[in-house]
């Protein structure tokens, strides 16, 4: 009787883990955002003046807005940019399908 009970409890736990997404896969990813001199970035409307780390669920679309300081202009996004909608646009999105490290690049106005 004890063996059957242990077996049923084990089956119930495994079924619960699978049903809750507890199968051991990565459900979230890290986004590291940094800037060069000359601007700041807003990540989902949170302004970061330098480098910051964010954690998002897989598949989350994150808003990026690079804002240049006076006398500078936005150039592009570099780094792990494979899921950025437009690397040349200051206002764009990134879809979180992995851990990404990206940089907003700014340059002096000429």
Protein backbone atom coordinates (compact mmCIF):
# COMPACT_ATOMS: atom_id res chain seq x y z
CA UNK A 1 0.00 0.00 0.00
CA UNK A 2 2.86 2.41 0.85
CA UNK A 3 4.49 1.88 -2.58
CA UNK A 4 1.22 2.71 -4.37
CA UNK A 5 0.78 5.86 -2.25
CA UNK A 6 4.33 7.05 -2.97
CA UNK A 7 3.81 6.36 -6.69
CA UNK A 8 0.54 8.35 -6.76
CA UNK A 9 2.06 11.26 -4.87
CA UNK A 10 5.01 11.31 -7.28
CA UNK A 11 2.67 11.27 -10.31
CA UNK A 12 0.62 14.11 -8.82
CA UNK A 13 3.74 16.22 -8.16
CA UNK A 14 5.10 15.68 -11.68
CA UNK A 15 1.71 16.49 -13.23
CA UNK A 16 1.52 19.65 -11.11
CA UNK A 17 4.99 20.77 -12.16
CA UNK A 18 4.21 20.26 -15.83
CA UNK A 19 0.88 22.05 -15.53
CA UNK A 20 2.47 25.03 -13.80
CA UNK A 21 5.36 25.32 -16.24
CA UNK A 22 7.79 23.97 -13.67
CA UNK A 23 9.54 21.73 -16.13
CA UNK A 24 12.87 23.41 -15.47
CA UNK A 25 13.02 25.62 -18.58
CA UNK A 26 14.12 29.26 -18.55
CA UNK A 27 11.05 31.44 -18.19
CA UNK A 28 12.85 34.78 -17.92
CA UNK A 29 15.78 36.58 -19.49
CA UNK A 30 18.12 39.43 -18.58
CA UNK A 31 18.35 42.63 -20.60
CA UNK A 32 21.47 44.75 -20.00
CA UNK A 33 21.12 48.26 -21.42
CA UNK A 34 23.93 50.80 -21.57
CA UNK A 35 24.65 54.08 -23.33
CA UNK A 36 27.63 55.84 -24.74
CA UNK A 37 28.31 59.43 -23.72
CA UNK A 38 25.65 61.81 -24.99
CA UNK A 39 22.29 60.47 -23.91
CA UNK A 40 20.02 58.32 -21.81
CA UNK A 41 17.67 55.41 -22.49
CA UNK A 42 14.13 54.85 -21.26
CA UNK A 43 13.30 51.15 -20.91
CA UNK A 44 9.51 50.78 -20.66
CA UNK A 45 9.47 54.46 -19.61
CA UNK A 46 12.10 53.98 -16.85
CA UNK A 47 15.00 56.35 -17.58
CA UNK A 48 18.51 54.98 -17.09
CA UNK A 49 21.49 57.34 -17.42
CA UNK A 50 24.18 54.64 -17.69
CA UNK A 51 23.94 50.85 -17.46
CA UNK A 52 21.07 48.86 -15.99
CA UNK A 53 19.86 45.25 -15.79
CA UNK A 54 16.25 44.21 -16.26
CA UNK A 55 14.59 40.79 -16.10
CA UNK A 56 11.63 39.91 -18.33
CA UNK A 57 9.54 36.86 -19.08
CA UNK A 58 10.30 35.07 -22.34
CA UNK A 59 8.51 36.69 -25.28
CA UNK A 60 8.03 40.06 -23.58
CA UNK A 61 8.24 43.05 -25.92
CA UNK A 62 10.21 45.84 -24.25
CA UNK A 63 10.03 49.49 -25.34
CA UNK A 64 13.35 51.30 -25.86
CA UNK A 65 13.66 55.06 -26.25
CA UNK A 66 17.11 56.62 -26.68
CA UNK A 67 17.12 60.35 -25.91
CA UNK A 68 20.20 62.38 -26.85
CA UNK A 69 21.60 65.14 -24.66
CA UNK A 70 21.85 68.67 -26.07
CA UNK A 71 24.54 68.75 -28.74
CA UNK A 72 24.32 64.99 -29.45
CA UNK A 73 22.26 62.76 -31.73
CA UNK A 74 21.27 59.10 -31.61
CA UNK A 75 23.29 56.86 -33.96
CA UNK A 76 22.08 53.26 -33.48
CA UNK A 77 21.69 50.24 -31.20
CA UNK A 78 24.54 47.72 -31.04
CA UNK A 79 25.19 44.45 -29.24
CA UNK A 80 22.69 41.57 -29.21
CA UNK A 81 20.28 43.34 -31.55
CA UNK A 82 18.74 40.38 -33.41
CA UNK A 83 15.27 41.00 -31.97
CA UNK A 84 15.32 44.82 -32.02
CA UNK A 85 12.63 46.03 -34.41
CA UNK A 86 14.81 48.82 -35.93
CA UNK A 87 18.45 49.25 -34.83
CA UNK A 88 18.58 52.71 -36.41
CA UNK A 89 15.49 54.09 -34.64
CA UNK A 90 15.79 55.85 -31.28
CA UNK A 91 12.29 54.63 -30.37
CA UNK A 92 11.97 50.88 -30.97
CA UNK A 93 11.24 47.53 -29.27
CA UNK A 94 13.17 44.40 -28.34
CA UNK A 95 11.56 40.99 -27.92
CA UNK A 96 13.02 38.96 -25.07
CA UNK A 97 13.90 35.54 -26.47
CA UNK A 98 17.25 35.28 -24.68
CA UNK A 99 19.72 37.22 -22.53
CA UNK A 100 20.69 40.41 -24.37
CA UNK A 101 23.22 43.17 -23.84
CA UNK A 102 22.60 46.27 -25.95
CA UNK A 103 24.05 49.76 -26.19
CA UNK A 104 22.49 53.02 -27.36
CA UNK A 105 25.13 54.91 -29.31
CA UNK A 106 25.23 58.70 -29.44
CA UNK A 107 27.53 61.11 -31.29
CA UNK A 108 28.27 64.82 -31.14
CA UNK A 109 26.32 67.04 -33.50
CA UNK A 110 28.51 68.53 -36.18
